[in-house]
Amino acid sequence: MSVHCFTFKIINNVKVEKLKNKLVVFLSLLLVYIPAAIAQVNYKMHSLFIYKFTQYIEWPASASSGDFVIGVVGNSPIISELEALASSKKVGTRNIVVKKLTSSSDPNGCHILFISESQSAHIGTLAGKLTNSPVLILSESEGGAKKGAGINFIIVDDKMKFELNKSAIEKRGLKISADLVKLAIVVG
């Protein structure tokens, strides 16, 4: 009887060890893939917010014909999310076109310019290139709205929110809905 119990304990210990090893592998994989999934969800949310912004901001008549152009400065996962959105949505009756830009590109001709976090050092320079142009500048970096972006995505208490620099948007000849202002953290 004692030999049988001893054998049973060894077999159980081996099974427990194998289970522990499988659990460690599973948890390791989970830690690798969860941040990637969260980042993807965030950029999908960013793209949905951007699309909704088009319904709360009015561009002047001079910028109301042809394709609706969203420029993205920097290599960002938001590009693929915006392209997916553009394949199924329109701004009014206008097709959405997504253009990948560099910080040295000419951003004129865009209706929205999204500056990725990796390019946030160029917010002021890009805003300067767009003086008097009806372009909504968006960013995703700390203090982006104070550096010249009209809207800046931020995370507050693990929730995505946005700062709105009303004067920066109005200075570009864009009209903002009071409803959008109510939803934002107004910084200027």
C-alpha atoms as a PDB file:
ATOM      1  CA  MET A   1       0.000   0.000   0.000  1.00  0.00           C
ATOM      2  CA  SER A   2       2.740   2.449   0.789  1.00  0.00           C
ATOM      3  CA  VAL A   3       4.502   1.741  -2.532  1.00  0.00           C
ATOM      4  CA  HIS A   4       1.253   2.423  -4.340  1.00  0.00           C
ATOM      5  CA  CYS A   5       0.798   5.763  -2.497  1.00  0.00           C
ATOM      6  CA  PHE A   6       4.400   6.710  -3.181  1.00  0.00           C
ATOM      7  CA  THR A   7       3.980   5.986  -6.909  1.00  0.00           C
ATOM      8  CA  PHE A   8       0.739   7.939  -6.954  1.00  0.00           C
ATOM      9  CA  LYS A   9       2.466  10.962  -5.321  1.00  0.00           C
ATOM     10  CA  ILE A  10       5.278  10.878  -7.880  1.00  0.00           C
ATOM     11  CA  ILE A  11       2.811  10.706 -10.760  1.00  0.00           C
ATOM     12  CA  ASN A  12       0.765  13.571  -9.268  1.00  0.00           C
ATOM     13  CA  ASN A  13       3.904  15.664  -8.718  1.00  0.00           C
ATOM     14  CA  VAL A  14       4.915  15.144 -12.352  1.00  0.00           C
ATOM     15  CA  LYS A  15       1.441  16.136 -13.521  1.00  0.00           C
ATOM     16  CA  VAL A  16       1.465  19.210 -11.280  1.00  0.00           C
ATOM     17  CA  GLU A  17       4.903  20.218 -12.605  1.00  0.00           C
ATOM     18  CA  LYS A  18       3.732  19.834 -16.203  1.00  0.00           C
ATOM     19  CA  LEU A  19       0.624  21.865 -15.403  1.00  0.00           C
ATOM     20  CA  LYS A  20       2.753  24.561 -13.760  1.00  0.00           C
ATOM     21  CA  ASN A  21       5.028  24.692 -16.809  1.00  0.00           C
ATOM     22  CA  LYS A  22       2.044  25.016 -19.129  1.00  0.00           C
ATOM     23  CA  LEU A  23       0.616  27.772 -16.930  1.00  0.00           C
ATOM     24  CA  VAL A  24       3.909  29.683 -16.970  1.00  0.00           C
ATOM     25  CA  VAL A  25       4.065  29.447 -20.769  1.00  0.00           C
ATOM     26  CA  PHE A  26       0.439  30.546 -21.069  1.00  0.00           C
ATOM     27  CA  LEU A  27       0.919  33.518 -18.742  1.00  0.00           C
ATOM     28  CA  SER A  28       4.100  34.533 -20.568  1.00  0.00           C
ATOM     29  CA  LEU A  29       2.281  34.503 -23.889  1.00  0.00           C
ATOM     30  CA  LEU A  30      -0.590  36.421 -22.349  1.00  0.00           C
ATOM     31  CA  LEU A  31       1.787  39.125 -21.122  1.00  0.00           C
ATOM     32  CA  VAL A  32       3.253  39.437 -24.612  1.00  0.00           C
ATOM     33  CA  TYR A  33      -0.043  39.569 -26.501  1.00  0.00           C
ATOM     34  CA  ILE A  34      -2.269  41.609 -24.173  1.00  0.00           C
ATOM     35  CA  PRO A  35      -0.299  44.868 -24.568  1.00  0.00           C
ATOM     36  CA  ALA A  36      -0.404  44.440 -28.361  1.00  0.00           C
ATOM     37  CA  ALA A  37      -4.155  43.839 -28.259  1.00  0.00           C
ATOM     38  CA  ILE A  38      -4.679  46.853 -26.028  1.00  0.00           C
ATOM     39  CA  ALA A  39      -2.636  49.058 -28.358  1.00  0.00           C
ATOM     40  CA  GLN A  40      -4.713  47.847 -31.301  1.00  0.00           C
ATOM     41  CA  VAL A  41      -7.942  48.616 -29.456  1.00  0.00           C
ATOM     42  CA  ASN A  42      -6.667  52.088 -28.604  1.00  0.00           C
ATOM     43  CA  TYR A  43      -5.911  52.906 -32.239  1.00  0.00           C
ATOM     44  CA  LYS A  44      -9.249  51.551 -33.327  1.00  0.00           C
ATOM     45  CA  MET A  45     -10.823  53.876 -30.747  1.00  0.00           C
ATOM     46  CA  HIS A  46      -8.639  56.747 -31.963  1.00  0.00           C
ATOM     47  CA  SER A  47      -9.872  56.195 -35.514  1.00  0.00           C
ATOM     48  CA  LEU A  48     -13.512  56.094 -34.384  1.00  0.00           C
ATOM     49  CA  PHE A  49     -13.030  59.307 -32.409  1.00  0.00           C
ATOM     50  CA  ILE A  50     -11.429  60.941 -35.439  1.00  0.00           C
ATOM     51  CA  TYR A  51     -14.371  59.947 -37.595  1.00  0.00           C
ATOM     52  CA  LYS A  52     -16.815  61.318 -35.001  1.00  0.00           C
ATOM     53  CA  PHE A  53     -14.874  64.606 -34.838  1.00  0.00           C
ATOM     54  CA  THR A  54     -15.787  65.165 -38.499  1.00  0.00           C
ATOM     55  CA  GLN A  55     -19.427  65.339 -37.422  1.00  0.00           C
ATOM     56  CA  TYR A  56     -18.775  68.000 -34.771  1.00  0.00           C
ATOM     57  CA  ILE A  57     -16.394  70.255 -36.675  1.00  0.00           C
ATOM     58  CA  GLU A  58     -17.307  72.332 -39.687  1.00  0.00           C
ATOM     59  CA  TRP A  59     -14.744  73.121 -42.365  1.00  0.00           C
ATOM     60  CA  PRO A  60     -15.097  76.283 -44.474  1.00  0.00           C
ATOM     61  CA  ALA A  61     -16.694  76.070 -47.934  1.00  0.00           C
ATOM     62  CA  SER A  62     -13.246  76.306 -49.553  1.00  0.00           C
ATOM     63  CA  ALA A  63     -12.343  72.931 -47.960  1.00  0.00           C
ATOM     64  CA  SER A  64     -15.684  71.207 -48.526  1.00  0.00           C
ATOM     65  CA  SER A  65     -15.226  69.528 -51.894  1.00  0.00           C
ATOM     66  CA  GLY A  66     -13.280  66.563 -53.180  1.00  0.00           C
ATOM     67  CA  ASP A  67     -11.989  63.757 -51.014  1.00  0.00           C
ATOM     68  CA  PHE A  68     -11.707  64.219 -47.251  1.00  0.00           C
ATOM     69  CA  VAL A  69      -7.989  63.761 -46.552  1.00  0.00           C
ATOM     70  CA  ILE A  70      -6.557  62.505 -43.278  1.00  0.00           C
ATOM     71  CA  GLY A  71      -2.785  62.787 -43.104  1.00  0.00           C
ATOM     72  CA  VAL A  72      -0.779  60.743 -40.610  1.00  0.00           C
ATOM     73  CA  VAL A  73       2.711  61.875 -39.666  1.00  0.00           C
ATOM     74  CA  GLY A  74       4.903  59.007 -38.559  1.00  0.00           C
ATOM     75  CA  ASN A  75       4.663  55.255 -38.725  1.00  0.00           C
ATOM     76  CA  SER A  76       1.646  54.459 -36.572  1.00  0.00           C
ATOM     77  CA  PRO A  77      -0.818  51.569 -36.248  1.00  0.00           C
ATOM     78  CA  ILE A  78      -3.575  54.154 -36.679  1.00  0.00           C
ATOM     79  CA  ILE A  79      -2.904  54.162 -40.429  1.00  0.00           C
ATOM     80  CA  SER A  80      -4.358  50.675 -40.936  1.00  0.00           C
ATOM     81  CA  GLU A  81      -7.296  51.486 -38.633  1.00  0.00           C
ATOM     82  CA  LEU A  82      -8.083  54.674 -40.554  1.00  0.00           C
ATOM     83  CA  GLU A  83      -7.768  52.842 -43.878  1.00  0.00           C
ATOM     84  CA  ALA A  84     -10.231  50.203 -42.663  1.00  0.00           C
ATOM     85  CA  LEU A  85     -12.591  52.972 -41.558  1.00  0.00           C
ATOM     86  CA  ALA A  86     -12.166  54.798 -44.885  1.00  0.00           C
ATOM     87  CA  SER A  87     -13.216  51.675 -46.793  1.00  0.00           C
ATOM     88  CA  SER A  88     -16.661  51.720 -45.192  1.00  0.00           C
ATOM     89  CA  LYS A  89     -17.368  55.327 -44.135  1.00  0.00           C
ATOM     90  CA  LYS A  90     -17.662  58.743 -45.736  1.00  0.00           C
ATOM     91  CA  VAL A  91     -17.576  62.278 -44.418  1.00  0.00           C
ATOM     92  CA  GLY A  92     -20.927  63.458 -45.677  1.00  0.00           C
ATOM     93  CA  THR A  93     -20.812  62.336 -49.301  1.00  0.00           C
ATOM     94  CA  ARG A  94     -17.026  62.553 -49.540  1.00  0.00           C
ATOM     95  CA  ASN A  95     -14.652  59.611 -49.683  1.00  0.00           C
ATOM     96  CA  ILE A  96     -12.011  59.441 -46.967  1.00  0.00           C
ATOM     97  CA  VAL A  97      -8.398  59.195 -48.134  1.00  0.00           C
ATOM     98  CA  VAL A  98      -5.580  58.380 -45.707  1.00  0.00           C
ATOM     99  CA  LYS A  99      -2.098  59.661 -46.534  1.00  0.00           C
ATOM    100  CA  LYS A 100       1.103  58.689 -44.757  1.00  0.00           C
ATOM    101  CA  LEU A 101       3.361  61.712 -44.282  1.00  0.00           C
ATOM    102  CA  THR A 102       6.740  62.495 -42.769  1.00  0.00           C
ATOM    103  CA  SER A 103       7.505  65.484 -40.584  1.00  0.00           C
ATOM    104  CA  SER A 104       9.102  67.148 -43.611  1.00  0.00           C
ATOM    105  CA  SER A 105       6.073  66.544 -45.878  1.00  0.00           C
ATOM    106  CA  ASP A 106       3.785  69.394 -46.875  1.00  0.00           C
ATOM    107  CA  PRO A 107       0.609  68.806 -44.838  1.00  0.00           C
ATOM    108  CA  ASN A 108      -1.477  71.303 -46.832  1.00  0.00           C
ATOM    109  CA  GLY A 109      -4.368  69.624 -48.580  1.00  0.00           C
ATOM    110  CA  CYS A 110      -5.244  67.571 -45.503  1.00  0.00           C
ATOM    111  CA  HIS A 111      -8.441  68.182 -43.579  1.00  0.00           C
ATOM    112  CA  ILE A 112      -7.130  66.345 -40.535  1.00  0.00           C
ATOM    113  CA  LEU A 113      -3.477  65.895 -39.631  1.00  0.00           C
ATOM    114  CA  PHE A 114      -2.725  63.209 -37.037  1.00  0.00           C
ATOM    115  CA  ILE A 115       0.747  63.507 -35.520  1.00  0.00           C
ATOM    116  CA  SER A 116       1.859  60.227 -33.953  1.00  0.00           C
ATOM    117  CA  GLU A 117       3.591  60.179 -30.601  1.00  0.00           C
ATOM    118  CA  SER A 118       6.931  59.358 -32.234  1.00  0.00           C
ATOM    119  CA  GLN A 119       6.690  62.627 -34.182  1.00  0.00           C
ATOM    120  CA  SER A 120       5.343  64.804 -31.349  1.00  0.00           C
ATOM    121  CA  ALA A 121       8.495  66.925 -31.285  1.00  0.00           C
ATOM    122  CA  HIS A 122       7.332  68.308 -34.666  1.00  0.00           C
ATOM    123  CA  ILE A 123       3.865  69.529 -33.584  1.00  0.00           C
ATOM    124  CA  GLY A 124       4.942  73.191 -33.471  1.00  0.00           C
ATOM    125  CA  THR A 125       6.749  73.011 -36.818  1.00  0.00           C
ATOM    126  CA  LEU A 126       3.843  71.292 -38.554  1.00  0.00           C
ATOM    127  CA  ALA A 127       1.332  73.713 -37.012  1.00  0.00           C
ATOM    128  CA  GLY A 128       3.494  76.543 -38.360  1.00  0.00           C
ATOM    129  CA  LYS A 129       3.346  75.060 -41.876  1.00  0.00           C
ATOM    130  CA  LEU A 130      -0.447  75.162 -41.628  1.00  0.00           C
ATOM    131  CA  THR A 131      -0.908  78.770 -40.561  1.00  0.00           C
ATOM    132  CA  ASN A 132      -4.334  79.934 -41.809  1.00  0.00           C
ATOM    133  CA  SER A 133      -5.068  76.493 -43.318  1.00  0.00           C
ATOM    134  CA  PRO A 134      -8.363  74.803 -42.343  1.00  0.00           C
ATOM    135  CA  VAL A 135      -6.690  71.689 -40.938  1.00  0.00           C
ATOM    136  CA  LEU A 136      -7.623  70.000 -37.685  1.00  0.00           C
ATOM    137  CA  ILE A 137      -4.364  68.951 -36.034  1.00  0.00           C
ATOM    138  CA  LEU A 138      -4.553  65.910 -33.757  1.00  0.00           C
ATOM    139  CA  SER A 139      -1.851  64.491 -31.516  1.00  0.00           C
ATOM    140  CA  GLU A 140      -1.382  61.804 -28.895  1.00  0.00           C
ATOM    141  CA  SER A 141       1.380  63.172 -26.706  1.00  0.00           C
ATOM    142  CA  GLU A 142       1.482  64.847 -23.349  1.00  0.00           C
ATOM    143  CA  GLY A 143       0.908  68.574 -23.782  1.00  0.00           C
ATOM    144  CA  GLY A 144       0.118  68.228 -27.493  1.00  0.00           C
ATOM    145  CA  ALA A 145      -2.872  70.587 -27.356  1.00  0.00           C
ATOM    146  CA  LYS A 146      -0.727  73.269 -25.746  1.00  0.00           C
ATOM    147  CA  LYS A 147       1.947  72.859 -28.453  1.00  0.00           C
ATOM    148  CA  GLY A 148      -0.443  73.606 -31.332  1.00  0.00           C
ATOM    149  CA  ALA A 149      -2.678  70.583 -31.805  1.00  0.00           C
ATOM    150  CA  GLY A 150      -6.403  71.289 -31.791  1.00  0.00           C
ATOM    151  CA  ILE A 151      -7.183  67.932 -30.182  1.00  0.00           C
ATOM    152  CA  ASN A 152      -4.867  65.715 -28.181  1.00  0.00           C
ATOM    153  CA  PHE A 153      -5.686  62.148 -27.108  1.00  0.00           C
ATOM    154  CA  ILE A 154      -4.820  61.351 -23.498  1.00  0.00           C
ATOM    155  CA  ILE A 155      -5.380  58.540 -21.006  1.00  0.00           C
ATOM    156  CA  VAL A 156      -7.023  59.495 -17.701  1.00  0.00           C
ATOM    157  CA  ASP A 157      -7.771  56.768 -15.150  1.00  0.00           C
ATOM    158  CA  ASP A 158      -7.215  54.095 -17.822  1.00  0.00           C
ATOM    159  CA  LYS A 159      -9.799  55.722 -20.114  1.00  0.00           C
ATOM    160  CA  MET A 160      -9.195  57.482 -23.388  1.00  0.00           C
ATOM    161  CA  LYS A 161     -10.173  61.146 -23.334  1.00  0.00           C
ATOM    162  CA  PHE A 162      -9.207  64.171 -25.362  1.00  0.00           C
ATOM    163  CA  GLU A 163      -7.988  67.668 -24.730  1.00  0.00           C
ATOM    164  CA  LEU A 164      -9.355  70.405 -26.956  1.00  0.00           C
ATOM    165  CA  ASN A 165      -7.572  73.657 -27.732  1.00  0.00           C
ATOM    166  CA  LYS A 166     -10.524  75.715 -28.920  1.00  0.00           C
ATOM    167  CA  SER A 167      -8.463  78.753 -29.924  1.00  0.00           C
ATOM    168  CA  ALA A 168      -6.067  76.625 -32.022  1.00  0.00           C
ATOM    169  CA  ILE A 169      -9.025  75.111 -33.900  1.00  0.00           C
ATOM    170  CA  GLU A 170     -10.896  78.387 -34.436  1.00  0.00           C
ATOM    171  CA  LYS A 171      -7.680  80.104 -35.539  1.00  0.00           C
ATOM    172  CA  ARG A 172      -7.668  77.716 -38.517  1.00  0.00           C
ATOM    173  CA  GLY A 173     -11.157  78.754 -39.601  1.00  0.00           C
ATOM    174  CA  LEU A 174     -12.889  75.655 -38.257  1.00  0.00           C
ATOM    175  CA  LYS A 175     -16.148  75.794 -36.311  1.00  0.00           C
ATOM    176  CA  ILE A 176     -16.566  73.533 -33.290  1.00  0.00           C
ATOM    177  CA  SER A 177     -19.884  72.211 -32.045  1.00  0.00           C
ATOM    178  CA  ALA A 178     -20.670  73.128 -28.438  1.00  0.00           C
ATOM    179  CA  ASP A 179     -21.472  69.433 -27.919  1.00  0.00           C
ATOM    180  CA  LEU A 180     -17.869  68.487 -28.719  1.00  0.00           C
ATOM    181  CA  VAL A 181     -16.549  71.142 -26.349  1.00  0.00           C
ATOM    182  CA  LYS A 182     -18.705  69.678 -23.556  1.00  0.00           C
ATOM    183  CA  LEU A 183     -17.123  66.248 -24.062  1.00  0.00           C
ATOM    184  CA  ALA A 184     -13.551  67.545 -24.030  1.00  0.00           C
ATOM    185  CA  ILE A 185     -11.015  68.649 -21.484  1.00  0.00           C
ATOM    186  CA  VAL A 186     -10.633  72.256 -22.681  1.00  0.00           C
ATOM    187  CA  VAL A 187      -7.039  73.502 -22.466  1.00  0.00           C
ATOM    188  CA  GLY A 188      -7.081  76.653 -24.566  1.00  0.00           C
END
